[in-house]
Amino acid sequence: MSARCQLTGAQPVFGNRVSHSHRRTRRRWDPNIQSRRYWVPSENRHVRLTLSTRAIKTIDKIGIEAAVARIRARGERI
Protein backbone atom coordinates (compact mmCIF):
# COMPACT_ATOMS: atom_id res chain seq x y z
CA MET A 1 0.00 0.00 0.00
CA SER A 2 1.49 3.32 -1.04
CA ALA A 3 1.71 6.14 1.49
CA ARG A 4 -0.56 8.44 -0.54
CA CYS A 5 -4.12 9.56 0.12
CA GLN A 6 -6.54 9.19 -2.80
CA LEU A 7 -8.71 12.15 -1.73
CA THR A 8 -6.32 14.80 -0.40
CA GLY A 9 -3.13 13.67 -2.13
CA ALA A 10 -1.24 13.65 1.19
CA GLN A 11 2.12 11.90 0.84
CA PRO A 12 5.36 11.61 2.84
CA VAL A 13 7.22 14.82 3.70
CA PHE A 14 11.00 14.82 4.08
CA GLY A 15 13.25 16.74 6.42
CA ASN A 16 16.13 16.42 8.84
CA ARG A 17 16.52 14.58 12.11
CA VAL A 18 18.64 16.83 14.32
CA SER A 19 20.61 15.22 17.14
CA HIS A 20 21.68 16.82 20.41
CA SER A 21 25.06 17.65 18.84
CA HIS A 22 23.13 19.22 15.92
CA ARG A 23 24.18 16.64 13.31
CA ARG A 24 21.56 16.29 10.60
CA THR A 25 20.36 13.11 8.91
CA ARG A 26 17.42 12.70 6.57
CA ARG A 27 14.05 11.45 7.82
CA ARG A 28 10.47 11.31 6.61
CA TRP A 29 7.04 11.96 8.06
CA ASP A 30 4.41 9.56 6.76
CA PRO A 31 0.71 10.50 6.68
CA ASN A 32 -1.63 8.31 8.73
CA ILE A 33 -2.94 6.18 5.84
CA GLN A 34 -5.89 3.82 6.36
CA SER A 35 -7.73 1.51 3.99
CA ARG A 36 -11.51 2.01 4.12
CA ARG A 37 -14.43 0.41 2.32
CA TYR A 38 -17.46 2.61 1.55
CA TRP A 39 -20.85 1.83 0.05
CA VAL A 40 -21.61 4.09 -2.92
CA PRO A 41 -25.40 4.04 -3.45
CA SER A 42 -25.35 5.65 -6.90
CA GLU A 43 -23.10 2.86 -8.23
CA ASN A 44 -24.72 0.18 -6.07
CA ARG A 45 -21.32 -1.18 -5.00
CA HIS A 46 -18.54 -0.89 -2.42
CA VAL A 47 -15.33 1.00 -3.15
CA ARG A 48 -12.08 0.50 -1.27
CA LEU A 49 -10.14 3.72 -0.76
CA THR A 50 -6.69 4.45 0.65
CA LEU A 51 -7.24 7.55 2.77
CA SER A 52 -5.52 9.69 5.36
CA THR A 53 -7.38 10.13 8.64
CA ARG A 54 -8.01 13.77 7.68
CA ALA A 55 -9.70 12.56 4.46
CA ILE A 56 -11.90 10.14 6.45
CA LYS A 57 -13.18 13.13 8.47
CA THR A 58 -13.73 15.02 5.20
CA ILE A 59 -15.84 12.15 3.82
CA ASP A 60 -17.88 12.14 7.04
CA LYS A 61 -18.57 15.84 6.42
CA ILE A 62 -19.19 16.04 2.64
CA GLY A 63 -20.41 12.49 1.96
CA ILE A 64 -19.01 9.63 -0.11
CA GLU A 65 -20.70 10.74 -3.36
CA ALA A 66 -18.97 14.14 -3.33
CA ALA A 67 -15.68 12.54 -2.31
CA VAL A 68 -15.82 10.04 -5.20
CA ALA A 69 -16.58 12.93 -7.57
CA ARG A 70 -13.49 14.82 -6.29
CA ILE A 71 -11.26 11.77 -6.71
CA ARG A 72 -12.50 11.22 -10.27
CA ALA A 73 -12.06 14.92 -11.07
CA ARG A 74 -8.35 14.50 -10.24
CA GLY A 75 -8.23 11.80 -12.91
CA GLU A 76 -7.85 8.88 -10.54
CA ARG A 77 -9.60 5.60 -11.27
CA ILE A 78 -11.71 3.99 -8.54
PDB file of N, CA and C in Angstrom:
ATOM      1  N   MET A   1       0.843  -1.175   0.000  1.00  0.00           N
ATOM      2  CA  MET A   1       0.000   0.000   0.000  1.00  0.00           C
ATOM      3  C   MET A   1       0.890   1.240   0.000  1.00  0.00           C
ATOM      4  N   SER A   2       0.670   2.115  -0.962  1.00  0.00           N
ATOM      5  CA  SER A   2       1.491   3.316  -1.037  1.00  0.00           C
ATOM      6  C   SER A   2       1.065   4.312   0.037  1.00  0.00           C
ATOM      7  N   ALA A   3       1.988   5.140   0.456  1.00  0.00           N
ATOM      8  CA  ALA A   3       1.705   6.136   1.490  1.00  0.00           C
ATOM      9  C   ALA A   3       1.186   7.411   0.842  1.00  0.00           C
ATOM     10  N   ARG A   4       0.029   7.291   0.148  1.00  0.00           N
ATOM     11  CA  ARG A   4      -0.560   8.436  -0.545  1.00  0.00           C
ATOM     12  C   ARG A   4      -2.066   8.362  -0.416  1.00  0.00           C
ATOM     13  N   CYS A   5      -2.677   9.489  -0.051  1.00  0.00           N
ATOM     14  CA  CYS A   5      -4.122   9.557   0.119  1.00  0.00           C
ATOM     15  C   CYS A   5      -4.789   9.804  -1.229  1.00  0.00           C
ATOM     16  N   GLN A   6      -5.848   9.045  -1.516  1.00  0.00           N
ATOM     17  CA  GLN A   6      -6.537   9.193  -2.800  1.00  0.00           C
ATOM     18  C   GLN A   6      -7.392  10.455  -2.860  1.00  0.00           C
ATOM     19  N   LEU A   7      -7.848  10.969  -1.727  1.00  0.00           N
ATOM     20  CA  LEU A   7      -8.713  12.147  -1.726  1.00  0.00           C
ATOM     21  C   LEU A   7      -7.919  13.447  -1.616  1.00  0.00           C
ATOM     22  N   THR A   8      -7.040  13.539  -0.634  1.00  0.00           N
ATOM     23  CA  THR A   8      -6.322  14.800  -0.398  1.00  0.00           C
ATOM     24  C   THR A   8      -4.967  14.852  -1.097  1.00  0.00           C
ATOM     25  N   GLY A   9      -4.443  13.704  -1.491  1.00  0.00           N
ATOM     26  CA  GLY A   9      -3.130  13.672  -2.130  1.00  0.00           C
ATOM     27  C   GLY A   9      -1.986  13.744  -1.137  1.00  0.00           C
ATOM     28  N   ALA A  10      -2.271  13.593   0.154  1.00  0.00           N
ATOM     29  CA  ALA A  10      -1.237  13.648   1.188  1.00  0.00           C
ATOM     30  C   ALA A  10      -0.226  12.531   0.957  1.00  0.00           C
ATOM     31  N   GLN A  11       1.051  12.878   1.035  1.00  0.00           N
ATOM     32  CA  GLN A  11       2.119  11.904   0.840  1.00  0.00           C
ATOM     33  C   GLN A  11       3.262  12.220   1.793  1.00  0.00           C
ATOM     34  N   PRO A  12       4.281  11.365   1.890  1.00  0.00           N
ATOM     35  CA  PRO A  12       5.358  11.608   2.840  1.00  0.00           C
ATOM     36  C   PRO A  12       6.058  12.952   2.600  1.00  0.00           C
ATOM     37  N   VAL A  13       6.475  13.560   3.717  1.00  0.00           N
ATOM     38  CA  VAL A  13       7.221  14.816   3.695  1.00  0.00           C
ATOM     39  C   VAL A  13       8.605  14.508   4.252  1.00  0.00           C
ATOM     40  N   PHE A  14       9.629  15.112   3.676  1.00  0.00           N
ATOM     41  CA  PHE A  14      10.998  14.817   4.076  1.00  0.00           C
ATOM     42  C   PHE A  14      11.629  15.999   4.786  1.00  0.00           C
ATOM     43  N   GLY A  15      12.563  15.695   5.671  1.00  0.00           N
ATOM     44  CA  GLY A  15      13.248  16.745   6.416  1.00  0.00           C
ATOM     45  C   GLY A  15      14.478  16.176   7.088  1.00  0.00           C
ATOM     46  N   ASN A  16      14.933  16.840   8.133  1.00  0.00           N
ATOM     47  CA  ASN A  16      16.134  16.425   8.843  1.00  0.00           C
ATOM     48  C   ASN A  16      15.818  16.005  10.268  1.00  0.00           C
ATOM     49  N   ARG A  17      16.506  14.954  10.698  1.00  0.00           N
ATOM     50  CA  ARG A  17      16.515  14.579  12.105  1.00  0.00           C
ATOM     51  C   ARG A  17      17.729  15.292  12.689  1.00  0.00           C
ATOM     52  N   VAL A  18      17.540  16.055  13.752  1.00  0.00           N
ATOM     53  CA  VAL A  18      18.639  16.835  14.319  1.00  0.00           C
ATOM     54  C   VAL A  18      18.960  16.269  15.695  1.00  0.00           C
ATOM     55  N   SER A  19      20.197  15.808  15.869  1.00  0.00           N
ATOM     56  CA  SER A  19      20.612  15.216  17.139  1.00  0.00           C
ATOM     57  C   SER A  19      20.957  16.302  18.150  1.00  0.00           C
ATOM     58  N   HIS A  20      21.302  15.878  19.349  1.00  0.00           N
ATOM     59  CA  HIS A  20      21.682  16.816  20.406  1.00  0.00           C
ATOM     60  C   HIS A  20      22.925  17.614  20.004  1.00  0.00           C
ATOM     61  N   SER A  21      23.853  16.951  19.282  1.00  0.00           N
ATOM     62  CA  SER A  21      25.064  17.645  18.838  1.00  0.00           C
ATOM     63  C   SER A  21      24.831  18.433  17.545  1.00  0.00           C
ATOM     64  N   HIS A  22      23.578  18.462  17.100  1.00  0.00           N
ATOM     65  CA  HIS A  22      23.132  19.218  15.921  1.00  0.00           C
ATOM     66  C   HIS A  22      23.588  18.624  14.591  1.00  0.00           C
ATOM     67  N   ARG A  23      23.906  17.327  14.580  1.00  0.00           N
ATOM     68  CA  ARG A  23      24.176  16.644  13.309  1.00  0.00           C
ATOM     69  C   ARG A  23      22.844  16.363  12.652  1.00  0.00           C
ATOM     70  N   ARG A  24      22.807  16.456  11.320  1.00  0.00           N
ATOM     71  CA  ARG A  24      21.555  16.292  10.599  1.00  0.00           C
ATOM     72  C   ARG A  24      21.591  15.055   9.714  1.00  0.00           C
ATOM     73  N   THR A  25      20.549  14.250   9.810  1.00  0.00           N
ATOM     74  CA  THR A  25      20.362  13.114   8.911  1.00  0.00           C
ATOM     75  C   THR A  25      18.942  13.177   8.390  1.00  0.00           C
ATOM     76  N   ARG A  26      18.722  12.606   7.215  1.00  0.00           N
ATOM     77  CA  ARG A  26      17.416  12.696   6.571  1.00  0.00           C
ATOM     78  C   ARG A  26      16.387  11.787   7.257  1.00  0.00           C
ATOM     79  N   ARG A  27      15.158  12.241   7.283  1.00  0.00           N
ATOM     80  CA  ARG A  27      14.055  11.454   7.821  1.00  0.00           C
ATOM     81  C   ARG A  27      12.803  11.774   7.029  1.00  0.00           C
ATOM     82  N   ARG A  28      11.726  11.027   7.287  1.00  0.00           N
ATOM     83  CA  ARG A  28      10.466  11.312   6.606  1.00  0.00           C
ATOM     84  C   ARG A  28       9.300  11.192   7.571  1.00  0.00           C
ATOM     85  N   TRP A  29       8.276  12.004   7.312  1.00  0.00           N
ATOM     86  CA  TRP A  29       7.038  11.964   8.060  1.00  0.00           C
ATOM     87  C   TRP A  29       5.979  11.360   7.147  1.00  0.00           C
ATOM     88  N   ASP A  30       5.433  10.226   7.562  1.00  0.00           N
ATOM     89  CA  ASP A  30       4.409   9.563   6.758  1.00  0.00           C
ATOM     90  C   ASP A  30       3.021  10.013   7.218  1.00  0.00           C
ATOM     91  N   PRO A  31       2.093  10.206   6.279  1.00  0.00           N
ATOM     92  CA  PRO A  31       0.713  10.497   6.684  1.00  0.00           C
ATOM     93  C   PRO A  31       0.078   9.238   7.274  1.00  0.00           C
ATOM     94  N   ASN A  32      -0.932   9.428   8.102  1.00  0.00           N
ATOM     95  CA  ASN A  32      -1.634   8.305   8.726  1.00  0.00           C
ATOM     96  C   ASN A  32      -2.618   7.740   7.700  1.00  0.00           C
ATOM     97  N   ILE A  33      -2.166   6.750   6.935  1.00  0.00           N
ATOM     98  CA  ILE A  33      -2.945   6.182   5.837  1.00  0.00           C
ATOM     99  C   ILE A  33      -3.716   4.952   6.318  1.00  0.00           C
ATOM    100  N   GLN A  34      -5.015   4.935   5.994  1.00  0.00           N
ATOM    101  CA  GLN A  34      -5.889   3.825   6.357  1.00  0.00           C
ATOM    102  C   GLN A  34      -6.613   3.341   5.106  1.00  0.00           C
ATOM    103  N   SER A  35      -6.938   2.064   5.081  1.00  0.00           N
ATOM    104  CA  SER A  35      -7.733   1.514   3.989  1.00  0.00           C
ATOM    105  C   SER A  35      -9.175   1.399   4.468  1.00  0.00           C
ATOM    106  N   ARG A  36     -10.108   2.009   3.734  1.00  0.00           N
ATOM    107  CA  ARG A  36     -11.514   2.010   4.123  1.00  0.00           C
ATOM    108  C   ARG A  36     -12.388   1.553   2.964  1.00  0.00           C
ATOM    109  N   ARG A  37     -13.478   0.869   3.310  1.00  0.00           N
ATOM    110  CA  ARG A  37     -14.433   0.414   2.315  1.00  0.00           C
ATOM    111  C   ARG A  37     -15.736   1.179   2.535  1.00  0.00           C
ATOM    112  N   TYR A  38     -16.227   1.806   1.478  1.00  0.00           N
ATOM    113  CA  TYR A  38     -17.456   2.607   1.554  1.00  0.00           C
ATOM    114  C   TYR A  38     -18.483   2.076   0.561  1.00  0.00           C
ATOM    115  N   TRP A  39     -19.751   2.162   0.948  1.00  0.00           N
ATOM    116  CA  TRP A  39     -20.849   1.825   0.050  1.00  0.00           C
ATOM    117  C   TRP A  39     -21.224   3.079  -0.727  1.00  0.00           C
ATOM    118  N   VAL A  40     -21.228   2.968  -2.065  1.00  0.00           N
ATOM    119  CA  VAL A  40     -21.610   4.091  -2.921  1.00  0.00           C
ATOM    120  C   VAL A  40     -22.982   3.760  -3.508  1.00  0.00           C
ATOM    121  N   PRO A  41     -24.046   4.386  -3.009  1.00  0.00           N
ATOM    122  CA  PRO A  41     -25.404   4.041  -3.445  1.00  0.00           C
ATOM    123  C   PRO A  41     -25.658   4.279  -4.927  1.00  0.00           C
ATOM    124  N   SER A  42     -25.086   5.342  -5.489  1.00  0.00           N
ATOM    125  CA  SER A  42     -25.353   5.654  -6.900  1.00  0.00           C
ATOM    126  C   SER A  42     -24.793   4.582  -7.835  1.00  0.00           C
ATOM    127  N   GLU A  43     -23.706   3.917  -7.414  1.00  0.00           N
ATOM    128  CA  GLU A  43     -23.102   2.864  -8.235  1.00  0.00           C
ATOM    129  C   GLU A  43     -23.518   1.478  -7.775  1.00  0.00           C
ATOM    130  N   ASN A  44     -24.233   1.424  -6.644  1.00  0.00           N
ATOM    131  CA  ASN A  44     -24.718   0.176  -6.073  1.00  0.00           C
ATOM    132  C   ASN A  44     -23.579  -0.820  -5.834  1.00  0.00           C
ATOM    133  N   ARG A  45     -22.474  -0.317  -5.281  1.00  0.00           N
ATOM    134  CA  ARG A  45     -21.320  -1.176  -4.997  1.00  0.00           C
ATOM    135  C   ARG A  45     -20.450  -0.558  -3.907  1.00  0.00           C
ATOM    136  N   HIS A  46     -19.536  -1.370  -3.375  1.00  0.00           N
ATOM    137  CA  HIS A  46     -18.544  -0.891  -2.424  1.00  0.00           C
ATOM    138  C   HIS A  46     -17.308  -0.419  -3.183  1.00  0.00           C
ATOM    139  N   VAL A  47     -16.630   0.586  -2.625  1.00  0.00           N
ATOM    140  CA  VAL A  47     -15.331   1.001  -3.150  1.00  0.00           C
ATOM    141  C   VAL A  47     -14.337   0.978  -1.999  1.00  0.00           C
ATOM    142  N   ARG A  48     -13.136   0.519  -2.276  1.00  0.00           N
ATOM    143  CA  ARG A  48     -12.081   0.499  -1.272  1.00  0.00           C
ATOM    144  C   ARG A  48     -11.144   1.659  -1.575  1.00  0.00           C
ATOM    145  N   LEU A  49     -10.963   2.536  -0.582  1.00  0.00           N
ATOM    146  CA  LEU A  49     -10.141   3.723  -0.755  1.00  0.00           C
ATOM    147  C   LEU A  49      -8.980   3.711   0.225  1.00  0.00           C
ATOM    148  N   THR A  50      -7.849   4.252  -0.204  1.00  0.00           N
ATOM    149  CA  THR A  50      -6.689   4.451   0.653  1.00  0.00           C
ATOM    150  C   THR A  50      -6.695   5.918   1.045  1.00  0.00           C
ATOM    151  N   LEU A  51      -6.990   6.187   2.324  1.00  0.00           N
ATOM    152  CA  LEU A  51      -7.243   7.550   2.773  1.00  0.00           C
ATOM    153  C   LEU A  51      -6.409   7.909   3.993  1.00  0.00           C
ATOM    154  N   SER A  52      -6.110   9.196   4.119  1.00  0.00           N
ATOM    155  CA  SER A  52      -5.522   9.694   5.361  1.00  0.00           C
ATOM    156  C   SER A  52      -6.663   9.874   6.362  1.00  0.00           C
ATOM    157  N   THR A  53      -6.339   9.967   7.632  1.00  0.00           N
ATOM    158  CA  THR A  53      -7.385  10.135   8.638  1.00  0.00           C
ATOM    159  C   THR A  53      -8.090  11.473   8.456  1.00  0.00           C
ATOM    160  N   ARG A  54      -7.387  12.486   7.970  1.00  0.00           N
ATOM    161  CA  ARG A  54      -8.014  13.767   7.685  1.00  0.00           C
ATOM    162  C   ARG A  54      -9.058  13.617   6.572  1.00  0.00           C
ATOM    163  N   ALA A  55      -8.765  12.791   5.568  1.00  0.00           N
ATOM    164  CA  ALA A  55      -9.703  12.564   4.463  1.00  0.00           C
ATOM    165  C   ALA A  55     -10.929  11.785   4.935  1.00  0.00           C
ATOM    166  N   ILE A  56     -10.755  10.886   5.903  1.00  0.00           N
ATOM    167  CA  ILE A  56     -11.897  10.143   6.455  1.00  0.00           C
ATOM    168  C   ILE A  56     -12.866  11.121   7.110  1.00  0.00           C
ATOM    169  N   LYS A  57     -12.330  12.103   7.846  1.00  0.00           N
ATOM    170  CA  LYS A  57     -13.175  13.126   8.466  1.00  0.00           C
ATOM    171  C   LYS A  57     -13.861  13.977   7.396  1.00  0.00           C
ATOM    172  N   THR A  58     -13.161  14.246   6.298  1.00  0.00           N
ATOM    173  CA  THR A  58     -13.732  15.021   5.198  1.00  0.00           C
ATOM    174  C   THR A  58     -14.901  14.272   4.571  1.00  0.00           C
ATOM    175  N   ILE A  59     -14.754  12.961   4.383  1.00  0.00           N
ATOM    176  CA  ILE A  59     -15.835  12.154   3.818  1.00  0.00           C
ATOM    177  C   ILE A  59     -17.038  12.138   4.763  1.00  0.00           C
ATOM    178  N   ASP A  60     -16.784  12.082   6.067  1.00  0.00           N
ATOM    179  CA  ASP A  60     -17.883  12.143   7.037  1.00  0.00           C
ATOM    180  C   ASP A  60     -18.656  13.460   6.890  1.00  0.00           C
ATOM    181  N   LYS A  61     -17.954  14.523   6.533  1.00  0.00           N
ATOM    182  CA  LYS A  61     -18.572  15.842   6.424  1.00  0.00           C
ATOM    183  C   LYS A  61     -19.286  16.055   5.084  1.00  0.00           C
ATOM    184  N   ILE A  62     -18.623  15.733   3.958  1.00  0.00           N
ATOM    185  CA  ILE A  62     -19.186  16.039   2.636  1.00  0.00           C
ATOM    186  C   ILE A  62     -19.944  14.877   2.013  1.00  0.00           C
ATOM    187  N   GLY A  63     -19.726  13.667   2.501  1.00  0.00           N
ATOM    188  CA  GLY A  63     -20.409  12.494   1.957  1.00  0.00           C
ATOM    189  C   GLY A  63     -19.546  11.763   0.936  1.00  0.00           C
ATOM    190  N   ILE A  64     -19.816  10.481   0.776  1.00  0.00           N
ATOM    191  CA  ILE A  64     -19.012   9.633  -0.114  1.00  0.00           C
ATOM    192  C   ILE A  64     -19.221   9.990  -1.579  1.00  0.00           C
ATOM    193  N   GLU A  65     -20.437  10.409  -1.955  1.00  0.00           N
ATOM    194  CA  GLU A  65     -20.703  10.744  -3.360  1.00  0.00           C
ATOM    195  C   GLU A  65     -19.832  11.923  -3.809  1.00  0.00           C
ATOM    196  N   ALA A  66     -19.777  12.966  -3.000  1.00  0.00           N
ATOM    197  CA  ALA A  66     -18.969  14.142  -3.331  1.00  0.00           C
ATOM    198  C   ALA A  66     -17.487  13.800  -3.320  1.00  0.00           C
ATOM    199  N   ALA A  67     -17.080  12.932  -2.393  1.00  0.00           N
ATOM    200  CA  ALA A  67     -15.679  12.538  -2.311  1.00  0.00           C
ATOM    201  C   ALA A  67     -15.263  11.743  -3.548  1.00  0.00           C
ATOM    202  N   VAL A  68     -16.104  10.832  -3.992  1.00  0.00           N
ATOM    203  CA  VAL A  68     -15.818  10.043  -5.195  1.00  0.00           C
ATOM    204  C   VAL A  68     -15.740  10.960  -6.413  1.00  0.00           C
ATOM    205  N   ALA A  69     -16.613  11.963  -6.465  1.00  0.00           N
ATOM    206  CA  ALA A  69     -16.579  12.928  -7.569  1.00  0.00           C
ATOM    207  C   ALA A  69     -15.261  13.703  -7.578  1.00  0.00           C
ATOM    208  N   ARG A  70     -14.772  14.102  -6.388  1.00  0.00           N
ATOM    209  CA  ARG A  70     -13.489  14.819  -6.293  1.00  0.00           C
ATOM    210  C   ARG A  70     -12.324  13.947  -6.743  1.00  0.00           C
ATOM    211  N   ILE A  71     -12.346  12.685  -6.340  1.00  0.00           N
ATOM    212  CA  ILE A  71     -11.262  11.768  -6.709  1.00  0.00           C
ATOM    213  C   ILE A  71     -11.245  11.567  -8.219  1.00  0.00           C
ATOM    214  N   ARG A  72     -12.420  11.400  -8.804  1.00  0.00           N
ATOM    215  CA  ARG A  72     -12.501  11.217 -10.268  1.00  0.00           C
ATOM    216  C   ARG A  72     -12.124  12.484 -11.017  1.00  0.00           C
ATOM    217  N   ALA A  73     -12.414  13.647 -10.445  1.00  0.00           N
ATOM    218  CA  ALA A  73     -12.057  14.923 -11.071  1.00  0.00           C
ATOM    219  C   ALA A  73     -10.531  15.080 -11.146  1.00  0.00           C
ATOM    220  N   ARG A  74      -9.814  14.473 -10.202  1.00  0.00           N
ATOM    221  CA  ARG A  74      -8.350  14.497 -10.238  1.00  0.00           C
ATOM    222  C   ARG A  74      -7.791  13.532 -11.274  1.00  0.00           C
ATOM    223  N   GLY A  75      -8.662  12.740 -11.879  1.00  0.00           N
ATOM    224  CA  GLY A  75      -8.229  11.805 -12.909  1.00  0.00           C
ATOM    225  C   GLY A  75      -7.850  10.434 -12.379  1.00  0.00           C
ATOM    226  N   GLU A  76      -8.187  10.167 -11.127  1.00  0.00           N
ATOM    227  CA  GLU A  76      -7.848   8.877 -10.539  1.00  0.00           C
ATOM    228  C   GLU A  76      -8.980   7.885 -10.758  1.00  0.00           C
ATOM    229  N   ARG A  77      -8.618   6.655 -11.020  1.00  0.00           N
ATOM    230  CA  ARG A  77      -9.602   5.603 -11.268  1.00  0.00           C
ATOM    231  C   ARG A  77      -9.968   4.913  -9.953  1.00  0.00           C
ATOM    232  N   ILE A  78     -11.261   4.666  -9.756  1.00  0.00           N
ATOM    233  CA  ILE A  78     -11.706   3.986  -8.537  1.00  0.00           C
ATOM    234  C   ILE A  78     -12.278   2.637  -8.914  1.00  0.00           C
TER     235      ILE A  78
END
